[in-house]
Amino acid sequence: MEIFDEEDLKFVRELEKSYYDDDVHVVLVKGFCDDDKLFDTISIATQINDDPKILLRTGYFKYTQDLVQRAVRSYFPNLKISFNSKKPFIFNKKSIYVDKWNQNNHLLIREDFSIYYPIQSVISQGGEKDLERLKAAISKDNSKLIVLVTTNDVAEGYLDFSLLDGIVDKSLVLDSSKKHQETYSLVLNNLNKDKIFYE
């Protein structure tokens, strides 16, 4: 079972600071450990106030449910995650509703947190249509904070972060290299690099 380390806490504090910063509306979250990024983002969203309004915005329910389950299970092995468009999932005693941003990009959204996950198809090759849908969804999203969470973001050139220029106000990197030293070393070895390009 995973535990929060100092880097998780630092990341959560930065995300919380972004929530209260009126100049920050959209945050991009990067980092090599997808489970940590998602878990930490959901954790701070559920703690931002006593009754937070949280919306997880995705493209595919089943795929995303598997990713959320994996992230949560790494910290809480017995917690079962299940959701659909009408039924939220419960985390930290808070309801997290889920919708499809690529289908509901015309809806006006007003939440505390809107978490878009995963978004790699939007900023990888061939994602032009998805990118336009994402831009449309964000333009109608008046949530206090919009958080874009990536997966598969460690190989330079695979994702084109410049496509999010003009959308993202702030980028955060969750450094899980000490917590997952063996995995991090394996990633670097596979990339034949001394560090991940955005670190």
Protein backbone atom coordinates (compact mmCIF):
# COMPACT_ATOMS: atom_id res chain seq x y z
CA MET A 1 0.00 0.00 0.00
CA GLU A 2 1.31 3.43 -0.99
CA ILE A 3 1.62 6.36 1.39
CA PHE A 4 1.80 10.11 0.87
CA ASP A 5 5.39 11.31 0.88
CA GLU A 6 6.84 14.82 1.03
CA GLU A 7 6.55 15.29 -2.74
CA ASP A 8 2.87 14.33 -2.66
CA LEU A 9 2.28 16.87 0.09
CA LYS A 10 4.21 19.55 -1.79
CA PHE A 11 2.18 18.85 -4.93
CA VAL A 12 -1.14 18.95 -3.04
CA ARG A 13 -0.16 22.28 -1.44
CA GLU A 14 0.66 23.73 -4.88
CA LEU A 15 -2.65 22.54 -6.30
CA GLU A 16 -4.49 24.01 -3.32
CA LYS A 17 -2.64 27.30 -3.81
CA SER A 18 -3.73 27.28 -7.46
CA TYR A 19 -7.35 26.81 -6.40
CA TYR A 20 -7.23 30.02 -4.36
CA ASP A 21 -5.29 32.00 -6.97
CA ASP A 22 -7.71 34.08 -9.05
CA ASP A 23 -5.15 34.27 -11.85
CA VAL A 24 -5.09 30.48 -12.26
CA HIS A 25 -8.02 28.77 -13.93
CA VAL A 26 -6.45 25.78 -15.71
CA VAL A 27 -3.59 23.65 -14.35
CA LEU A 28 -1.72 20.96 -16.29
CA VAL A 29 -0.41 18.08 -14.16
CA LYS A 30 2.58 16.05 -15.35
CA GLY A 31 4.67 13.29 -13.78
CA PHE A 32 5.79 9.76 -14.50
CA CYS A 33 3.50 8.04 -11.97
CA ASP A 34 -0.05 8.25 -13.32
CA ASP A 35 -1.62 6.73 -10.21
CA ASP A 36 -0.03 9.28 -7.89
CA LYS A 37 -1.05 12.22 -10.11
CA LEU A 38 -4.68 11.20 -10.21
CA PHE A 39 -4.91 10.12 -6.56
CA ASP A 40 -3.32 13.34 -5.29
CA THR A 41 -5.55 15.49 -7.49
CA ILE A 42 -8.72 13.75 -6.35
CA SER A 43 -7.53 13.88 -2.73
CA ILE A 44 -7.11 17.66 -2.65
CA ALA A 45 -10.38 18.16 -4.54
CA THR A 46 -12.28 16.27 -1.82
CA GLN A 47 -10.64 18.35 0.93
CA ILE A 48 -10.92 21.84 -0.54
CA ASN A 49 -14.05 22.64 1.48
CA ASP A 50 -16.75 20.87 3.51
CA ASP A 51 -18.99 20.16 0.53
CA PRO A 52 -16.88 20.29 -2.63
CA LYS A 53 -18.47 20.05 -6.06
CA ILE A 54 -16.20 17.79 -8.10
CA LEU A 55 -16.59 16.62 -11.67
CA LEU A 56 -14.32 14.07 -13.30
CA ARG A 57 -14.48 14.71 -17.04
CA THR A 58 -13.36 11.90 -19.31
CA GLY A 59 -13.74 10.49 -22.79
CA TYR A 60 -14.49 6.86 -21.93
CA PHE A 61 -16.18 5.61 -18.76
CA LYS A 62 -14.90 2.02 -18.66
CA TYR A 63 -11.28 2.88 -19.49
CA THR A 64 -11.23 5.74 -16.98
CA GLN A 65 -12.96 3.67 -14.31
CA ASP A 66 -10.14 1.12 -14.60
CA LEU A 67 -7.53 3.90 -14.26
CA VAL A 68 -9.27 5.45 -11.25
CA GLN A 69 -9.64 2.02 -9.63
CA ARG A 70 -5.94 1.30 -10.12
CA ALA A 71 -4.91 4.66 -8.64
CA VAL A 72 -7.18 4.33 -5.61
CA ARG A 73 -6.29 0.67 -5.05
CA SER A 74 -2.60 1.55 -4.77
CA TYR A 75 -3.49 3.48 -1.59
CA PHE A 76 -6.69 1.73 -0.45
CA PRO A 77 -6.59 -1.91 -1.65
CA ASN A 78 -10.19 -2.68 -0.62
CA LEU A 79 -11.90 0.40 -2.03
CA LYS A 80 -14.10 -0.40 -5.05
CA ILE A 81 -14.74 2.32 -7.61
CA SER A 82 -17.80 2.21 -9.84
CA PHE A 83 -19.57 5.02 -11.67
CA ASN A 84 -21.66 6.01 -14.66
CA SER A 85 -23.18 9.24 -15.96
CA LYS A 86 -25.89 9.23 -13.26
CA LYS A 87 -24.07 7.55 -10.40
CA PRO A 88 -21.02 9.26 -8.84
CA PHE A 89 -18.29 7.43 -7.01
CA ILE A 90 -17.51 8.14 -3.39
CA PHE A 91 -14.01 9.02 -2.26
CA ASN A 92 -13.08 10.44 1.14
CA LYS A 93 -16.85 10.54 1.89
CA LYS A 94 -17.39 12.98 -1.00
CA SER A 95 -19.29 12.40 -4.23
CA ILE A 96 -17.38 12.73 -7.48
CA TYR A 97 -19.62 12.95 -10.52
CA VAL A 98 -18.39 11.83 -13.92
CA ASP A 99 -19.28 12.99 -17.42
CA LYS A 100 -17.88 12.79 -20.95
CA TRP A 101 -16.33 16.11 -21.90
CA ASN A 102 -16.09 15.07 -25.55
CA GLN A 103 -19.88 14.65 -25.73
CA ASN A 104 -20.93 17.34 -23.25
CA ASN A 105 -18.59 20.10 -24.42
CA HIS A 106 -21.53 22.49 -24.89
CA LEU A 107 -22.70 22.28 -21.25
CA LEU A 108 -22.05 25.10 -18.81
CA ILE A 109 -20.10 23.69 -15.86
CA ARG A 110 -19.75 25.37 -12.46
CA GLU A 111 -17.90 23.16 -9.97
CA ASP A 112 -15.13 23.66 -7.46
CA PHE A 113 -12.91 21.20 -9.32
CA SER A 114 -13.20 19.87 -12.86
CA ILE A 115 -10.65 17.12 -13.45
CA TYR A 116 -10.05 16.19 -17.09
CA TYR A 117 -8.48 12.74 -17.24
CA PRO A 118 -6.89 11.25 -19.23
CA ILE A 119 -6.06 13.81 -21.90
CA GLN A 120 -3.22 12.19 -23.83
CA SER A 121 -5.35 11.60 -26.94
CA VAL A 122 -5.86 15.37 -27.15
CA ILE A 123 -2.18 16.26 -27.33
CA SER A 124 -0.81 13.26 -29.19
CA GLN A 125 -0.57 12.91 -32.96
CA GLY A 126 -3.96 12.66 -34.61
CA GLY A 127 -5.79 14.31 -31.73
CA GLU A 128 -6.91 17.46 -33.57
CA LYS A 129 -10.65 16.75 -33.31
CA ASP A 130 -10.35 15.88 -29.63
CA LEU A 131 -8.35 19.06 -29.03
CA GLU A 132 -11.13 21.19 -30.52
CA ARG A 133 -13.69 19.40 -28.35
CA LEU A 134 -11.51 19.93 -25.27
CA LYS A 135 -11.15 23.64 -26.02
CA ALA A 136 -14.94 23.87 -26.43
CA ALA A 137 -15.51 22.05 -23.13
CA ILE A 138 -13.05 24.26 -21.25
CA SER A 139 -14.57 27.43 -22.74
CA LYS A 140 -17.90 26.44 -21.12
CA ASP A 141 -16.32 25.29 -17.86
CA ASN A 142 -16.58 27.97 -15.18
CA SER A 143 -15.29 25.75 -12.38
CA LYS A 144 -13.06 27.40 -9.81
CA LEU A 145 -10.18 25.18 -10.94
CA ILE A 146 -9.80 22.99 -14.01
CA VAL A 147 -7.09 20.33 -13.73
CA LEU A 148 -5.80 18.51 -16.82
CA VAL A 149 -4.07 15.28 -15.84
CA THR A 150 -1.84 13.49 -18.34
CA THR A 151 -0.82 9.88 -18.77
CA ASN A 152 2.11 8.56 -20.81
CA ASP A 153 3.90 11.89 -20.68
CA VAL A 154 7.53 10.90 -20.09
CA ALA A 155 8.77 10.39 -23.68
CA GLU A 156 9.73 13.70 -25.23
CA GLY A 157 7.83 14.31 -28.44
CA TYR A 158 5.05 11.82 -27.76
CA LEU A 159 2.72 14.50 -26.38
CA ASP A 160 2.75 18.06 -27.72
CA PHE A 161 2.22 20.25 -24.68
CA SER A 162 2.44 23.37 -26.85
CA LEU A 163 -1.06 22.54 -28.11
CA LEU A 164 -2.28 23.63 -24.68
CA ASP A 165 -0.61 27.05 -24.92
CA GLY A 166 -3.24 29.69 -24.33
CA ILE A 167 -5.33 27.21 -22.32
CA VAL A 168 -3.08 26.33 -19.37
CA ASP A 169 -2.24 28.96 -16.77
CA LYS A 170 0.13 26.82 -14.72
CA SER A 171 1.96 23.49 -15.00
CA LEU A 172 2.79 21.27 -12.04
CA VAL A 173 5.07 18.23 -12.00
CA LEU A 174 4.59 15.55 -9.36
CA ASP A 175 8.01 14.12 -8.57
CA SER A 176 7.51 10.50 -7.51
CA SER A 177 11.12 9.50 -8.21
CA LYS A 178 12.03 8.84 -4.57
CA LYS A 179 8.81 7.03 -3.75
CA HIS A 180 9.10 4.78 -6.81
CA GLN A 181 12.87 4.65 -7.25
CA GLU A 182 12.98 1.32 -9.06
CA THR A 183 10.23 2.24 -11.53
CA TYR A 184 11.77 5.66 -12.10
CA SER A 185 15.16 4.12 -12.85
CA LEU A 186 13.52 1.70 -15.26
CA VAL A 187 11.74 4.56 -17.07
CA LEU A 188 14.98 6.51 -17.41
CA ASN A 189 16.84 3.42 -18.59
CA ASN A 190 14.18 2.76 -21.24
CA LEU A 191 14.37 6.38 -22.37
CA ASN A 192 18.19 6.32 -22.23
CA LYS A 193 18.06 9.65 -20.36
CA ASP A 194 19.41 11.09 -17.12
CA LYS A 195 16.07 12.68 -16.29
CA ILE A 196 12.62 13.15 -17.76
CA PHE A 197 12.62 16.09 -20.16
CA TYR A 198 10.26 18.38 -18.24
CA GLU A 199 11.96 17.97 -14.85
